[in-house]
C-alpha atoms as a PDB file:
ATOM      1  CA  MET A   1     100.700 100.360 125.643  1.00  0.00           C
ATOM      2  CA  THR A   2     102.316 101.198 122.385  1.00  0.00           C
ATOM      3  CA  GLU A   3     103.159 104.841 121.791  1.00  0.00           C
ATOM      4  CA  PRO A   4     101.507 106.460 118.751  1.00  0.00           C
ATOM      5  CA  ARG A   5     103.630 106.791 115.611  1.00  0.00           C
ATOM      6  CA  HIS A   6     104.917 110.337 115.007  1.00  0.00           C
ATOM      7  CA  VAL A   7     104.287 111.989 111.650  1.00  0.00           C
ATOM      8  CA  LEU A   8     106.142 115.171 110.758  1.00  0.00           C
ATOM      9  CA  VAL A   9     104.244 117.537 108.508  1.00  0.00           C
ATOM     10  CA  VAL A  10     106.550 119.894 106.581  1.00  0.00           C
ATOM     11  CA  GLU A  11     104.171 122.565 105.145  1.00  0.00           C
ATOM     12  CA  ASP A  12     104.350 126.349 105.125  1.00  0.00           C
ATOM     13  CA  ASP A  13     100.633 126.867 104.565  1.00  0.00           C
ATOM     14  CA  ALA A  14      99.336 127.047 108.162  1.00  0.00           C
ATOM     15  CA  LYS A  15      95.735 126.006 107.235  1.00  0.00           C
ATOM     16  CA  ILE A  16      96.861 122.940 105.310  1.00  0.00           C
ATOM     17  CA  ALA A  17      99.287 121.945 108.001  1.00  0.00           C
ATOM     18  CA  GLN A  18      96.621 122.226 110.754  1.00  0.00           C
ATOM     19  CA  LEU A  19      94.153 120.265 108.684  1.00  0.00           C
ATOM     20  CA  LEU A  20      96.659 117.427 108.277  1.00  0.00           C
ATOM     21  CA  LEU A  21      97.534 117.530 111.961  1.00  0.00           C
ATOM     22  CA  ASP A  22      93.874 117.292 112.933  1.00  0.00           C
ATOM     23  CA  TYR A  23      93.159 114.292 110.753  1.00  0.00           C
ATOM     24  CA  LEU A  24      96.360 112.468 111.678  1.00  0.00           C
ATOM     25  CA  ARG A  25      95.786 112.926 115.430  1.00  0.00           C
ATOM     26  CA  SER A  26      92.177 111.876 115.136  1.00  0.00           C
ATOM     27  CA  ASP A  27      93.376 108.656 113.489  1.00  0.00           C
ATOM     28  CA  GLY A  28      95.755 107.934 116.425  1.00  0.00           C
ATOM     29  CA  PHE A  29      99.001 109.393 115.205  1.00  0.00           C
ATOM     30  CA  ALA A  30     101.205 111.821 117.097  1.00  0.00           C
ATOM     31  CA  ALA A  31     101.873 114.694 114.703  1.00  0.00           C
ATOM     32  CA  SER A  32     103.757 117.945 114.575  1.00  0.00           C
ATOM     33  CA  ALA A  33     104.437 120.479 111.893  1.00  0.00           C
ATOM     34  CA  VAL A  34     107.303 122.727 110.765  1.00  0.00           C
ATOM     35  CA  ALA A  35     107.172 125.299 107.965  1.00  0.00           C
ATOM     36  CA  ASP A  36     110.797 125.563 106.931  1.00  0.00           C
ATOM     37  CA  GLY A  37     112.908 123.065 105.056  1.00  0.00           C
ATOM     38  CA  ASN A  38     116.087 123.609 107.027  1.00  0.00           C
ATOM     39  CA  LEU A  39     114.231 123.219 110.343  1.00  0.00           C
ATOM     40  CA  ALA A  40     112.598 120.057 109.122  1.00  0.00           C
ATOM     41  CA  LEU A  41     115.928 118.561 108.111  1.00  0.00           C
ATOM     42  CA  ALA A  42     117.401 119.283 111.558  1.00  0.00           C
ATOM     43  CA  GLN A  43     114.380 117.780 113.274  1.00  0.00           C
ATOM     44  CA  ILE A  44     114.320 114.603 111.184  1.00  0.00           C
ATOM     45  CA  GLU A  45     118.017 114.042 111.994  1.00  0.00           C
ATOM     46  CA  ARG A  46     117.549 114.776 115.667  1.00  0.00           C
ATOM     47  CA  THR A  47     114.259 112.874 116.247  1.00  0.00           C
ATOM     48  CA  PRO A  48     113.386 110.571 113.330  1.00  0.00           C
ATOM     49  CA  PRO A  49     109.581 110.339 112.779  1.00  0.00           C
ATOM     50  CA  ALA A  50     107.707 107.344 111.485  1.00  0.00           C
ATOM     51  CA  VAL A  51     106.670 109.251 108.295  1.00  0.00           C
ATOM     52  CA  VAL A  52     107.383 112.666 106.782  1.00  0.00           C
ATOM     53  CA  ILE A  53     104.755 114.534 104.803  1.00  0.00           C
ATOM     54  CA  LEU A  54     106.807 116.939 102.740  1.00  0.00           C
ATOM     55  CA  ASP A  55     105.542 119.912 100.695  1.00  0.00           C
ATOM     56  CA  LEU A  56     107.537 120.604  97.531  1.00  0.00           C
ATOM     57  CA  MET A  57     107.600 124.441  97.875  1.00  0.00           C
ATOM     58  CA  LEU A  58     109.107 125.550 101.135  1.00  0.00           C
ATOM     59  CA  PRO A  59     111.030 128.571 102.401  1.00  0.00           C
ATOM     60  CA  GLY A  60     114.662 127.885 103.053  1.00  0.00           C
ATOM     61  CA  LEU A  61     115.422 124.457 101.660  1.00  0.00           C
ATOM     62  CA  ASP A  62     112.691 123.233  99.259  1.00  0.00           C
ATOM     63  CA  GLY A  63     111.180 119.733  99.346  1.00  0.00           C
ATOM     64  CA  ILE A  64     113.529 118.226  96.757  1.00  0.00           C
ATOM     65  CA  GLY A  65     116.543 119.482  98.757  1.00  0.00           C
ATOM     66  CA  VAL A  66     115.074 118.174 101.998  1.00  0.00           C
ATOM     67  CA  CYS A  67     114.299 114.822 100.523  1.00  0.00           C
ATOM     68  CA  ARG A  68     117.727 114.348  98.973  1.00  0.00           C
ATOM     69  CA  ALA A  69     119.448 115.434 102.196  1.00  0.00           C
ATOM     70  CA  VAL A  70     117.381 113.078 104.329  1.00  0.00           C
ATOM     71  CA  ARG A  71     118.249 110.177 102.060  1.00  0.00           C
ATOM     72  CA  GLN A  72     121.871 110.695 102.959  1.00  0.00           C
ATOM     73  CA  PHE A  73     121.256 109.453 106.455  1.00  0.00           C
ATOM     74  CA  SER A  74     117.748 107.942 106.730  1.00  0.00           C
ATOM     75  CA  ASP A  75     115.226 105.775 104.889  1.00  0.00           C
ATOM     76  CA  VAL A  76     112.254 107.284 106.750  1.00  0.00           C
ATOM     77  CA  PRO A  77     109.123 107.073 104.487  1.00  0.00           C
ATOM     78  CA  ILE A  78     108.450 110.384 102.724  1.00  0.00           C
ATOM     79  CA  LEU A  79     105.152 111.427 101.240  1.00  0.00           C
ATOM     80  CA  MET A  80     105.637 114.412  98.868  1.00  0.00           C
ATOM     81  CA  LEU A  81     102.956 117.049  98.363  1.00  0.00           C
ATOM     82  CA  THR A  82     102.898 119.082  95.183  1.00  0.00           C
ATOM     83  CA  ALA A  83     100.433 121.657  93.775  1.00  0.00           C
ATOM     84  CA  ARG A  84     100.631 120.455  90.179  1.00  0.00           C
ATOM     85  CA  VAL A  85     100.026 117.070  88.598  1.00  0.00           C
ATOM     86  CA  ASP A  86     102.652 117.683  85.919  1.00  0.00           C
ATOM     87  CA  GLU A  87     105.235 118.390  88.632  1.00  0.00           C
ATOM     88  CA  VAL A  88     105.081 114.745  89.742  1.00  0.00           C
ATOM     89  CA  ASP A  89     106.548 113.743  86.379  1.00  0.00           C
ATOM     90  CA  ARG A  90     109.490 116.013  86.994  1.00  0.00           C
ATOM     91  CA  LEU A  91     109.904 114.763  90.594  1.00  0.00           C
ATOM     92  CA  LEU A  92     109.912 111.131  89.406  1.00  0.00           C
ATOM     93  CA  GLY A  93     112.434 112.005  86.729  1.00  0.00           C
ATOM     94  CA  LEU A  94     114.739 113.576  89.357  1.00  0.00           C
ATOM     95  CA  ASP A  95     114.361 110.440  91.502  1.00  0.00           C
ATOM     96  CA  THR A  96     114.328 112.489  94.661  1.00  0.00           C
ATOM     97  CA  GLY A  97     113.894 109.343  96.897  1.00  0.00           C
ATOM     98  CA  ALA A  98     110.347 110.094  97.950  1.00  0.00           C
ATOM     99  CA  ASP A  99     108.201 107.008  98.568  1.00  0.00           C
ATOM    100  CA  ASP A 100     104.871 108.468  97.413  1.00  0.00           C
ATOM    101  CA  TYR A 101     103.413 111.613  95.839  1.00  0.00           C
ATOM    102  CA  VAL A 102     100.029 113.380  96.301  1.00  0.00           C
ATOM    103  CA  CYS A 103      98.808 116.396  94.359  1.00  0.00           C
ATOM    104  CA  LYS A 104      96.909 119.345  95.872  1.00  0.00           C
ATOM    105  CA  PRO A 105      94.056 119.665  96.384  1.00  0.00           C
ATOM    106  CA  PHE A 106      93.880 116.368  98.232  1.00  0.00           C
ATOM    107  CA  SER A 107      91.545 114.462 100.520  1.00  0.00           C
ATOM    108  CA  PRO A 108      92.894 114.452 104.100  1.00  0.00           C
ATOM    109  CA  ARG A 109      91.478 110.932 104.485  1.00  0.00           C
ATOM    110  CA  GLU A 110      93.577 109.820 101.462  1.00  0.00           C
ATOM    111  CA  ILE A 111      96.661 111.300 103.091  1.00  0.00           C
ATOM    112  CA  VAL A 112      96.029 109.360 106.325  1.00  0.00           C
ATOM    113  CA  ALA A 113      95.461 106.186 104.346  1.00  0.00           C
ATOM    114  CA  ARG A 114      98.756 106.752 102.453  1.00  0.00           C
ATOM    115  CA  VAL A 115     100.551 107.410 105.812  1.00  0.00           C
ATOM    116  CA  ARG A 116      99.190 104.182 107.218  1.00  0.00           C
ATOM    117  CA  ALA A 117     100.381 102.260 104.171  1.00  0.00           C
ATOM    118  CA  LEU A 118     103.812 103.756 104.480  1.00  0.00           C
ATOM    119  CA  VAL A 119     104.028 102.793 108.135  1.00  0.00           C
ATOM    120  CA  ARG A 120     102.959  99.183 107.356  1.00  0.00           C
ATOM    121  CA  ARG A 121     105.600  98.898 104.651  1.00  0.00           C
ATOM    122  CA  SER A 122     108.229 100.373 106.923  1.00  0.00           C
ATOM    123  CA  ASP A 123     107.298  97.846 109.623  1.00  0.00           C
ATOM    124  CA  GLY A 124     107.684  95.063 107.091  1.00  0.00           C
ATOM    125  CA  ARG A 125     104.082  94.013 107.256  1.00  0.00           C
ATOM    126  CA  VAL A 126     103.505  94.868 103.615  1.00  0.00           C
ATOM    127  CA  SER A 127     106.120  93.439 101.255  1.00  0.00           C
ATOM    128  CA  VAL A 128     106.595  91.389  98.205  1.00  0.00           C
ATOM    129  CA  SER A 129     107.650  88.107  99.753  1.00  0.00           C
ATOM    130  CA  PRO A 130     109.146  85.166  97.892  1.00  0.00           C
ATOM    131  CA  GLN A 131     106.036  83.229  98.872  1.00  0.00           C
ATOM    132  CA  ALA A 132     103.794  85.710  97.056  1.00  0.00           C
ATOM    133  CA  TRP A 133     105.792  86.688  93.985  1.00  0.00           C
ATOM    134  CA  VAL A 134     108.516  84.794  92.224  1.00  0.00           C
ATOM    135  CA  VAL A 135     110.381  86.540  89.410  1.00  0.00           C
ATOM    136  CA  ASP A 136     112.112  84.252  86.917  1.00  0.00           C
ATOM    137  CA  ASP A 137     114.314  86.589  84.877  1.00  0.00           C
ATOM    138  CA  ALA A 138     115.786  83.839  82.682  1.00  0.00           C
ATOM    139  CA  GLY A 139     112.332  82.606  81.794  1.00  0.00           C
ATOM    140  CA  LEU A 140     110.751  86.056  81.575  1.00  0.00           C
ATOM    141  CA  ARG A 141     107.895  84.970  83.818  1.00  0.00           C
ATOM    142  CA  ILE A 142     106.387  85.835  87.177  1.00  0.00           C
ATOM    143  CA  SER A 143     104.301  83.660  89.488  1.00  0.00           C
ATOM    144  CA  TRP A 144     101.589  84.745  91.920  1.00  0.00           C
ATOM    145  CA  ARG A 145     101.173  82.339  94.873  1.00  0.00           C
ATOM    146  CA  GLY A 146     102.427  79.391  92.900  1.00  0.00           C
ATOM    147  CA  GLN A 147     100.668  80.220  89.593  1.00  0.00           C
ATOM    148  CA  TRP A 148     102.775  81.398  86.674  1.00  0.00           C
ATOM    149  CA  LEU A 149     101.131  84.342  84.960  1.00  0.00           C
ATOM    150  CA  SER A 150     100.884  84.210  81.193  1.00  0.00           C
ATOM    151  CA  LEU A 151     102.865  87.354  80.389  1.00  0.00           C
ATOM    152  CA  THR A 152     104.237  88.838  77.195  1.00  0.00           C
ATOM    153  CA  PRO A 153     107.898  90.020  77.479  1.00  0.00           C
ATOM    154  CA  LEU A 154     106.642  93.601  77.620  1.00  0.00           C
ATOM    155  CA  GLU A 155     104.210  92.821  80.384  1.00  0.00           C
ATOM    156  CA  PHE A 156     106.926  90.952  82.298  1.00  0.00           C
ATOM    157  CA  ARG A 157     109.250  93.968  82.256  1.00  0.00           C
ATOM    158  CA  MET A 158     106.450  96.344  83.347  1.00  0.00           C
ATOM    159  CA  LEU A 159     105.286  94.183  86.219  1.00  0.00           C
ATOM    160  CA  ARG A 160     108.890  93.464  87.278  1.00  0.00           C
ATOM    161  CA  LEU A 161     109.486  97.218  87.587  1.00  0.00           C
ATOM    162  CA  LEU A 162     106.346  97.807  89.607  1.00  0.00           C
ATOM    163  CA  LEU A 163     107.229  94.896  91.905  1.00  0.00           C
ATOM    164  CA  SER A 164     110.684  96.293  92.513  1.00  0.00           C
ATOM    165  CA  ARG A 165     109.406  99.166  94.596  1.00  0.00           C
ATOM    166  CA  PRO A 166     106.071  98.556  96.249  1.00  0.00           C
ATOM    167  CA  GLY A 167     104.232 101.763  97.008  1.00  0.00           C
ATOM    168  CA  ARG A 168     106.339 103.894  94.662  1.00  0.00           C
ATOM    169  CA  VAL A 169     104.555 105.753  91.850  1.00  0.00           C
ATOM    170  CA  PHE A 170     105.976 105.071  88.431  1.00  0.00           C
ATOM    171  CA  ALA A 171     105.165 107.623  85.661  1.00  0.00           C
ATOM    172  CA  ARG A 172     104.091 106.325  82.311  1.00  0.00           C
ATOM    173  CA  ALA A 173     107.425 107.542  80.901  1.00  0.00           C
ATOM    174  CA  GLN A 174     109.281 105.349  83.328  1.00  0.00           C
ATOM    175  CA  LEU A 175     107.160 102.383  82.386  1.00  0.00           C
ATOM    176  CA  LEU A 176     107.870 103.140  78.715  1.00  0.00           C
ATOM    177  CA  ASP A 177     111.580 103.142  79.492  1.00  0.00           C
ATOM    178  CA  SER A 178     111.245  99.743  81.189  1.00  0.00           C
ATOM    179  CA  VAL A 179     109.941  98.239  78.007  1.00  0.00           C
ATOM    180  CA  HIS A 180     112.301 100.028  75.650  1.00  0.00           C
ATOM    181  CA  ALA A 181     113.045  96.903  73.651  1.00  0.00           C
ATOM    182  CA  ASP A 182     109.464  96.915  72.346  1.00  0.00           C
ATOM    183  CA  LEU A 183     109.003 100.662  71.801  1.00  0.00           C
ATOM    184  CA  ARG A 184     107.902 100.324  68.243  1.00  0.00           C
ATOM    185  CA  ASP A 185     104.234 101.182  68.823  1.00  0.00           C
ATOM    186  CA  VAL A 186     104.140 101.831  72.563  1.00  0.00           C
ATOM    187  CA  SER A 187     102.330 104.995  73.678  1.00  0.00           C
ATOM    188  CA  ASP A 188     100.790 106.232  76.889  1.00  0.00           C
ATOM    189  CA  ARG A 189      97.471 104.735  75.818  1.00  0.00           C
ATOM    190  CA  ALA A 190      99.208 101.408  75.069  1.00  0.00           C
ATOM    191  CA  ILE A 191     100.789 101.411  78.584  1.00  0.00           C
ATOM    192  CA  ASP A 192      97.270 101.849  80.044  1.00  0.00           C
ATOM    193  CA  SER A 193      96.119  98.926  77.962  1.00  0.00           C
ATOM    194  CA  HIS A 194      99.005  96.733  79.093  1.00  0.00           C
ATOM    195  CA  VAL A 195      98.340  97.566  82.752  1.00  0.00           C
ATOM    196  CA  LYS A 196      94.677  96.596  82.215  1.00  0.00           C
ATOM    197  CA  ASN A 197      95.857  93.212  80.908  1.00  0.00           C
ATOM    198  CA  LEU A 198      98.187  92.800  83.868  1.00  0.00           C
ATOM    199  CA  ARG A 199      95.359  93.439  86.281  1.00  0.00           C
ATOM    200  CA  ARG A 200      93.166  90.918  84.528  1.00  0.00           C
ATOM    201  CA  LYS A 201      95.873  88.257  84.662  1.00  0.00           C
ATOM    202  CA  ILE A 202      96.550  88.889  88.353  1.00  0.00           C
ATOM    203  CA  GLU A 203      92.819  88.786  89.005  1.00  0.00           C
ATOM    204  CA  THR A 204      92.611  85.400  87.277  1.00  0.00           C
ATOM    205  CA  ALA A 205      95.360  84.047  89.480  1.00  0.00           C
ATOM    206  CA  GLU A 206      93.782  85.447  92.661  1.00  0.00           C
ATOM    207  CA  PRO A 207      90.192  86.749  92.364  1.00  0.00           C
ATOM    208  CA  GLY A 208      89.688  89.975  94.305  1.00  0.00           C
ATOM    209  CA  SER A 209      93.320  91.034  94.062  1.00  0.00           C
ATOM    210  CA  ASN A 210      93.705  94.711  93.100  1.00  0.00           C
ATOM    211  CA  CYS A 211      97.417  95.391  93.382  1.00  0.00           C
ATOM    212  CA  ILE A 212      98.044  97.911  90.629  1.00  0.00           C
ATOM    213  CA  ALA A 213      96.690 101.322  91.516  1.00  0.00           C
ATOM    214  CA  SER A 214      96.192 104.231  89.086  1.00  0.00           C
ATOM    215  CA  VAL A 215      97.603 107.605  90.141  1.00  0.00           C
ATOM    216  CA  TYR A 216      95.614 110.236  88.353  1.00  0.00           C
ATOM    217  CA  GLY A 217      97.531 112.081  85.652  1.00  0.00           C
ATOM    218  CA  VAL A 218     100.830 110.397  86.511  1.00  0.00           C
ATOM    219  CA  GLY A 219     101.020 106.623  86.225  1.00  0.00           C
ATOM    220  CA  TYR A 220     100.775 103.524  88.383  1.00  0.00           C
ATOM    221  CA  ARG A 221     101.766 102.131  91.780  1.00  0.00           C
ATOM    222  CA  PHE A 222     101.999  98.519  93.019  1.00  0.00           C
ATOM    223  CA  ASP A 223     100.255  98.103  96.387  1.00  0.00           C
ATOM    224  CA  ALA A 224     101.362  94.857  97.975  1.00  0.00           C
ATOM    225  CA  PRO A 225      98.386  93.165  99.722  1.00  0.00           C
ATOM    226  CA  ASP A 226      98.150  93.219 103.521  1.00  0.00           C
END
């Protein structure tokens, strides 16, 4: 019988930590919690978990410091928790190495779903395989399951960036940077419009596909299909 995957919760609010532990355990995970960044770092290095849920504000070493330190020796999936939506933009700008971000207050069920997605990606069961997506840089085109999508150069650069890191949240500012050659009239609202067009074109190639997820107040994430 397969042992349950271990999730380490790094959170100094005892009530939030216990809530996450309860939901994770009820969903079949083994879970434990620590409330200090330095202790978390030592535990991750000693006994690597399947996923780390990491609060931004911690005593000792904060979440950014923990994440950067972990990335020196491990690629364990990290889900960062933050109390402010606008903080996610800063975290993304710092490129801390976290795989996903969730803002408080959050739904515990959403956290469990994100953890499961991170485990699947880590296991290699969710990926952008050559059979699914083909990126032709020279031709500025991308195909989905053998069908070339009709993309503008701007849409090509945006989708290429999203595909490069499945599961990672990209802020609108990062998507703007990715299309810098066409920044004449590009705004946050225009980015949303281009994403809408990308979704429609992917849906045309494969009805029912919903790969580009919105992250409220932040930006977008590509979720590779199971």
